[in-house]
C-alpha atoms as a PDB file:
ATOM      1  CA  UNK A   1      -3.334  -7.371  34.395  1.00  0.00           C
ATOM      2  CA  UNK A   2      -3.161 -11.061  33.532  1.00  0.00           C
ATOM      3  CA  UNK A   3      -0.173 -12.718  31.861  1.00  0.00           C
ATOM      4  CA  UNK A   4      -1.672 -12.618  28.369  1.00  0.00           C
ATOM      5  CA  UNK A   5      -2.270  -8.836  28.627  1.00  0.00           C
ATOM      6  CA  UNK A   6       1.211  -7.994  29.986  1.00  0.00           C
ATOM      7  CA  UNK A   7       3.862  -6.642  27.597  1.00  0.00           C
ATOM      8  CA  UNK A   8       6.189  -9.396  26.409  1.00  0.00           C
ATOM      9  CA  UNK A   9       9.864  -9.484  27.374  1.00  0.00           C
ATOM     10  CA  UNK A  10      12.063  -8.448  24.385  1.00  0.00           C
ATOM     11  CA  UNK A  11      13.226 -11.992  23.549  1.00  0.00           C
ATOM     12  CA  UNK A  12       9.663 -13.381  23.517  1.00  0.00           C
ATOM     13  CA  UNK A  13       8.472 -10.312  21.603  1.00  0.00           C
ATOM     14  CA  UNK A  14      11.134 -10.912  18.956  1.00  0.00           C
ATOM     15  CA  UNK A  15       9.938 -14.484  18.367  1.00  0.00           C
ATOM     16  CA  UNK A  16       6.255 -13.500  18.204  1.00  0.00           C
ATOM     17  CA  UNK A  17       6.954 -10.595  15.837  1.00  0.00           C
ATOM     18  CA  UNK A  18       8.857 -13.038  13.594  1.00  0.00           C
ATOM     19  CA  UNK A  19       5.673 -15.130  13.411  1.00  0.00           C
ATOM     20  CA  UNK A  20       3.733 -12.045  12.344  1.00  0.00           C
ATOM     21  CA  UNK A  21       6.308 -11.225   9.642  1.00  0.00           C
ATOM     22  CA  UNK A  22       6.104 -14.787   8.330  1.00  0.00           C
ATOM     23  CA  UNK A  23       2.326 -14.513   8.056  1.00  0.00           C
ATOM     24  CA  UNK A  24       2.524 -11.077   6.450  1.00  0.00           C
ATOM     25  CA  UNK A  25       4.915 -12.460   3.832  1.00  0.00           C
ATOM     26  CA  UNK A  26       2.609 -15.343   2.983  1.00  0.00           C
ATOM     27  CA  UNK A  27      -0.435 -13.061   2.939  1.00  0.00           C
ATOM     28  CA  UNK A  28       1.375 -10.575   0.696  1.00  0.00           C
ATOM     29  CA  UNK A  29       2.402 -13.260  -1.799  1.00  0.00           C
ATOM     30  CA  UNK A  30      -1.084 -14.782  -1.928  1.00  0.00           C
ATOM     31  CA  UNK A  31      -2.680 -11.361  -2.229  1.00  0.00           C
ATOM     32  CA  UNK A  32      -0.258 -10.436  -4.988  1.00  0.00           C
ATOM     33  CA  UNK A  33      -1.182 -13.573  -6.934  1.00  0.00           C
ATOM     34  CA  UNK A  34      -4.870 -12.739  -6.562  1.00  0.00           C
ATOM     35  CA  UNK A  35      -4.257  -9.149  -7.705  1.00  0.00           C
ATOM     36  CA  UNK A  36      -2.273 -10.389 -10.678  1.00  0.00           C
ATOM     37  CA  UNK A  37      -5.263 -12.486 -11.758  1.00  0.00           C
ATOM     38  CA  UNK A  38      -7.222  -9.241 -12.085  1.00  0.00           C
ATOM     39  CA  UNK A  39      -4.300  -7.619 -13.883  1.00  0.00           C
ATOM     40  CA  UNK A  40      -5.436  -9.296 -17.072  1.00  0.00           C
ATOM     41  CA  UNK A  41      -8.727  -7.401 -16.823  1.00  0.00           C
ATOM     42  CA  UNK A  42      -7.292  -3.899 -16.357  1.00  0.00           C
ATOM     43  CA  UNK A  43      -3.660  -4.488 -17.358  1.00  0.00           C
ATOM     44  CA  UNK A  44      -2.409  -2.885 -14.139  1.00  0.00           C
ATOM     45  CA  UNK A  45       0.824  -3.947 -12.452  1.00  0.00           C
ATOM     46  CA  UNK A  46       0.963  -3.992  -8.664  1.00  0.00           C
ATOM     47  CA  UNK A  47       3.270  -0.943  -8.710  1.00  0.00           C
ATOM     48  CA  UNK A  48       0.967   1.105 -10.933  1.00  0.00           C
ATOM     49  CA  UNK A  49      -1.975   0.015  -8.791  1.00  0.00           C
ATOM     50  CA  UNK A  50      -0.182   1.404  -5.732  1.00  0.00           C
ATOM     51  CA  UNK A  51       0.413   4.746  -7.449  1.00  0.00           C
ATOM     52  CA  UNK A  52      -3.199   4.973  -8.631  1.00  0.00           C
ATOM     53  CA  UNK A  53      -4.475   4.092  -5.159  1.00  0.00           C
ATOM     54  CA  UNK A  54      -2.399   6.862  -3.576  1.00  0.00           C
ATOM     55  CA  UNK A  55      -3.573   9.439  -6.095  1.00  0.00           C
ATOM     56  CA  UNK A  56      -7.184   8.259  -5.766  1.00  0.00           C
ATOM     57  CA  UNK A  57      -7.112   8.518  -1.961  1.00  0.00           C
ATOM     58  CA  UNK A  58      -4.922  11.579  -1.390  1.00  0.00           C
ATOM     59  CA  UNK A  59      -5.039  13.646  -4.570  1.00  0.00           C
ATOM     60  CA  UNK A  60      -2.090  14.989  -6.555  1.00  0.00           C
ATOM     61  CA  UNK A  61       1.369  14.194  -5.177  1.00  0.00           C
ATOM     62  CA  UNK A  62       4.970  14.461  -6.297  1.00  0.00           C
ATOM     63  CA  UNK A  63       6.994  11.345  -7.065  1.00  0.00           C
ATOM     64  CA  UNK A  64       9.201  11.894  -3.974  1.00  0.00           C
ATOM     65  CA  UNK A  65       6.089  12.219  -1.784  1.00  0.00           C
ATOM     66  CA  UNK A  66       4.714   8.948  -3.155  1.00  0.00           C
ATOM     67  CA  UNK A  67       8.065   7.261  -2.617  1.00  0.00           C
ATOM     68  CA  UNK A  68       8.104   8.311   1.046  1.00  0.00           C
ATOM     69  CA  UNK A  69       4.531   7.137   1.656  1.00  0.00           C
ATOM     70  CA  UNK A  70       5.140   3.764  -0.018  1.00  0.00           C
ATOM     71  CA  UNK A  71       8.720   3.419   1.320  1.00  0.00           C
ATOM     72  CA  UNK A  72       9.938   2.794  -2.230  1.00  0.00           C
ATOM     73  CA  UNK A  73      12.708   4.438  -4.218  1.00  0.00           C
ATOM     74  CA  UNK A  74      11.889   7.523  -6.244  1.00  0.00           C
ATOM     75  CA  UNK A  75      13.242   5.752  -9.320  1.00  0.00           C
ATOM     76  CA  UNK A  76      10.829   2.834  -8.941  1.00  0.00           C
ATOM     77  CA  UNK A  77       7.881   5.167  -8.287  1.00  0.00           C
ATOM     78  CA  UNK A  78       8.889   7.265 -11.313  1.00  0.00           C
ATOM     79  CA  UNK A  79       8.796   4.136 -13.513  1.00  0.00           C
ATOM     80  CA  UNK A  80       5.324   3.283 -12.196  1.00  0.00           C
ATOM     81  CA  UNK A  81       4.167   6.884 -12.793  1.00  0.00           C
ATOM     82  CA  UNK A  82       5.613   6.722 -16.319  1.00  0.00           C
ATOM     83  CA  UNK A  83       3.678   3.494 -16.950  1.00  0.00           C
ATOM     84  CA  UNK A  84       0.452   5.005 -15.582  1.00  0.00           C
ATOM     85  CA  UNK A  85       0.981   8.159 -17.656  1.00  0.00           C
ATOM     86  CA  UNK A  86       1.665   6.174 -20.832  1.00  0.00           C
ATOM     87  CA  UNK A  87      -1.682   4.404 -20.371  1.00  0.00           C
ATOM     88  CA  UNK A  88      -3.538   7.674 -19.776  1.00  0.00           C
ATOM     89  CA  UNK A  89      -4.249   6.898 -16.103  1.00  0.00           C
ATOM     90  CA  UNK A  90      -2.151   9.727 -14.627  1.00  0.00           C
ATOM     91  CA  UNK A  91      -0.680  13.007 -15.777  1.00  0.00           C
ATOM     92  CA  UNK A  92       1.917  15.516 -14.629  1.00  0.00           C
ATOM     93  CA  UNK A  93       0.713  18.996 -13.724  1.00  0.00           C
ATOM     94  CA  UNK A  94       2.680  22.081 -12.642  1.00  0.00           C
ATOM     95  CA  UNK A  95       3.568  22.218  -8.970  1.00  0.00           C
ATOM     96  CA  UNK A  96       3.250  25.744  -7.575  1.00  0.00           C
ATOM     97  CA  UNK A  97       5.446  24.761  -4.605  1.00  0.00           C
ATOM     98  CA  UNK A  98       8.326  23.305  -6.647  1.00  0.00           C
ATOM     99  CA  UNK A  99       9.116  23.984 -10.308  1.00  0.00           C
ATOM    100  CA  UNK A 100      11.243  20.868 -10.865  1.00  0.00           C
ATOM    101  CA  UNK A 101       8.955  18.347  -9.165  1.00  0.00           C
ATOM    102  CA  UNK A 102       5.621  18.103 -10.969  1.00  0.00           C
ATOM    103  CA  UNK A 103       2.444  17.070  -9.238  1.00  0.00           C
ATOM    104  CA  UNK A 104       1.089  13.793 -10.551  1.00  0.00           C
ATOM    105  CA  UNK A 105      -2.678  13.519 -10.683  1.00  0.00           C
ATOM    106  CA  UNK A 106      -4.999  10.696 -11.604  1.00  0.00           C
ATOM    107  CA  UNK A 107      -7.080  11.070 -14.775  1.00  0.00           C
ATOM    108  CA  UNK A 108     -10.721  10.110 -15.261  1.00  0.00           C
ATOM    109  CA  UNK A 109      -9.589   6.884 -16.967  1.00  0.00           C
ATOM    110  CA  UNK A 110      -7.271   6.186 -14.025  1.00  0.00           C
ATOM    111  CA  UNK A 111     -10.150   6.768 -11.597  1.00  0.00           C
ATOM    112  CA  UNK A 112     -12.290   4.271 -13.516  1.00  0.00           C
ATOM    113  CA  UNK A 113      -9.528   1.646 -13.448  1.00  0.00           C
ATOM    114  CA  UNK A 114      -8.665   2.000  -9.757  1.00  0.00           C
ATOM    115  CA  UNK A 115     -12.325   2.154  -8.749  1.00  0.00           C
ATOM    116  CA  UNK A 116     -12.928  -1.178 -10.502  1.00  0.00           C
ATOM    117  CA  UNK A 117      -9.851  -2.719  -8.850  1.00  0.00           C
ATOM    118  CA  UNK A 118     -10.792  -1.471  -5.377  1.00  0.00           C
ATOM    119  CA  UNK A 119     -14.375  -2.710  -5.795  1.00  0.00           C
ATOM    120  CA  UNK A 120     -13.108  -6.178  -6.743  1.00  0.00           C
ATOM    121  CA  UNK A 121     -10.727  -6.178  -3.757  1.00  0.00           C
ATOM    122  CA  UNK A 122     -13.491  -5.020  -1.429  1.00  0.00           C
ATOM    123  CA  UNK A 123     -15.715  -7.870  -2.595  1.00  0.00           C
ATOM    124  CA  UNK A 124     -12.874 -10.304  -1.870  1.00  0.00           C
ATOM    125  CA  UNK A 125     -12.109  -8.715   1.531  1.00  0.00           C
ATOM    126  CA  UNK A 126     -15.762  -9.064   2.520  1.00  0.00           C
ATOM    127  CA  UNK A 127     -15.281 -12.829   2.350  1.00  0.00           C
ATOM    128  CA  UNK A 128     -12.693 -12.880   5.149  1.00  0.00           C
ATOM    129  CA  UNK A 129     -14.101 -15.193   7.779  1.00  0.00           C
ATOM    130  CA  UNK A 130     -13.435 -15.736  11.435  1.00  0.00           C
ATOM    131  CA  UNK A 131     -16.113 -13.463  12.871  1.00  0.00           C
ATOM    132  CA  UNK A 132     -13.488 -10.753  13.327  1.00  0.00           C
ATOM    133  CA  UNK A 133     -14.423  -7.882  15.604  1.00  0.00           C
ATOM    134  CA  UNK A 134     -13.655  -4.184  15.413  1.00  0.00           C
ATOM    135  CA  UNK A 135     -11.454  -4.556  18.501  1.00  0.00           C
ATOM    136  CA  UNK A 136      -9.439  -7.365  16.888  1.00  0.00           C
ATOM    137  CA  UNK A 137      -8.880  -5.404  13.699  1.00  0.00           C
ATOM    138  CA  UNK A 138      -7.899  -2.289  15.647  1.00  0.00           C
ATOM    139  CA  UNK A 139      -5.405  -4.384  17.614  1.00  0.00           C
ATOM    140  CA  UNK A 140      -4.041  -5.847  14.369  1.00  0.00           C
ATOM    141  CA  UNK A 141      -3.582  -2.373  12.857  1.00  0.00           C
ATOM    142  CA  UNK A 142      -1.939  -1.141  16.071  1.00  0.00           C
ATOM    143  CA  UNK A 143       0.534  -4.039  16.029  1.00  0.00           C
ATOM    144  CA  UNK A 144       1.383  -3.542  12.361  1.00  0.00           C
ATOM    145  CA  UNK A 145       1.890   0.201  12.827  1.00  0.00           C
ATOM    146  CA  UNK A 146       4.172  -0.471  15.778  1.00  0.00           C
ATOM    147  CA  UNK A 147       6.154  -2.912  13.659  1.00  0.00           C
ATOM    148  CA  UNK A 148       6.400  -0.304  10.881  1.00  0.00           C
ATOM    149  CA  UNK A 149       7.956   2.194  13.298  1.00  0.00           C
ATOM    150  CA  UNK A 150      10.951  -0.120  13.531  1.00  0.00           C
ATOM    151  CA  UNK A 151      11.731   0.675   9.899  1.00  0.00           C
ATOM    152  CA  UNK A 152      10.710   4.341   9.745  1.00  0.00           C
ATOM    153  CA  UNK A 153      14.324   5.503   9.626  1.00  0.00           C
ATOM    154  CA  UNK A 154      15.242   3.217   6.703  1.00  0.00           C
ATOM    155  CA  UNK A 155      15.775   5.259   3.528  1.00  0.00           C
ATOM    156  CA  UNK A 156      14.568   3.323   0.442  1.00  0.00           C
ATOM    157  CA  UNK A 157      17.064   5.232  -1.750  1.00  0.00           C
END
């Protein structure tokens, strides 16, 4: 194993991970600005978009389930669900597993909105340059997942 492939000592790892966090922050802010430009088209906040994406991908969920997946407080997720429901993009349905915690499901209008948003994002993501390879993207995802594990025990509430 050559030096570049060897695991980093903790102090060096800490500095390199800080670089990654700095880039993630900048990427997040730029991405958020780009998403907000499309907000005028659909009128969807970033929070509501996150809720709709979850429901689109995984089907009906409770607010606490969504909060755990997104690592956000139940109160914040509930506000986003309320916004989506008020616009007719989501609705509460009975939850056979828990009477007090309704299942939230996406409506046909919500599906149309999130499908349009995801298509626009996909078109933008296709423009990412750099001749990236499958191996590089897998490595990137692996690194980010490993970084996420550091915060898995942090309760957003």
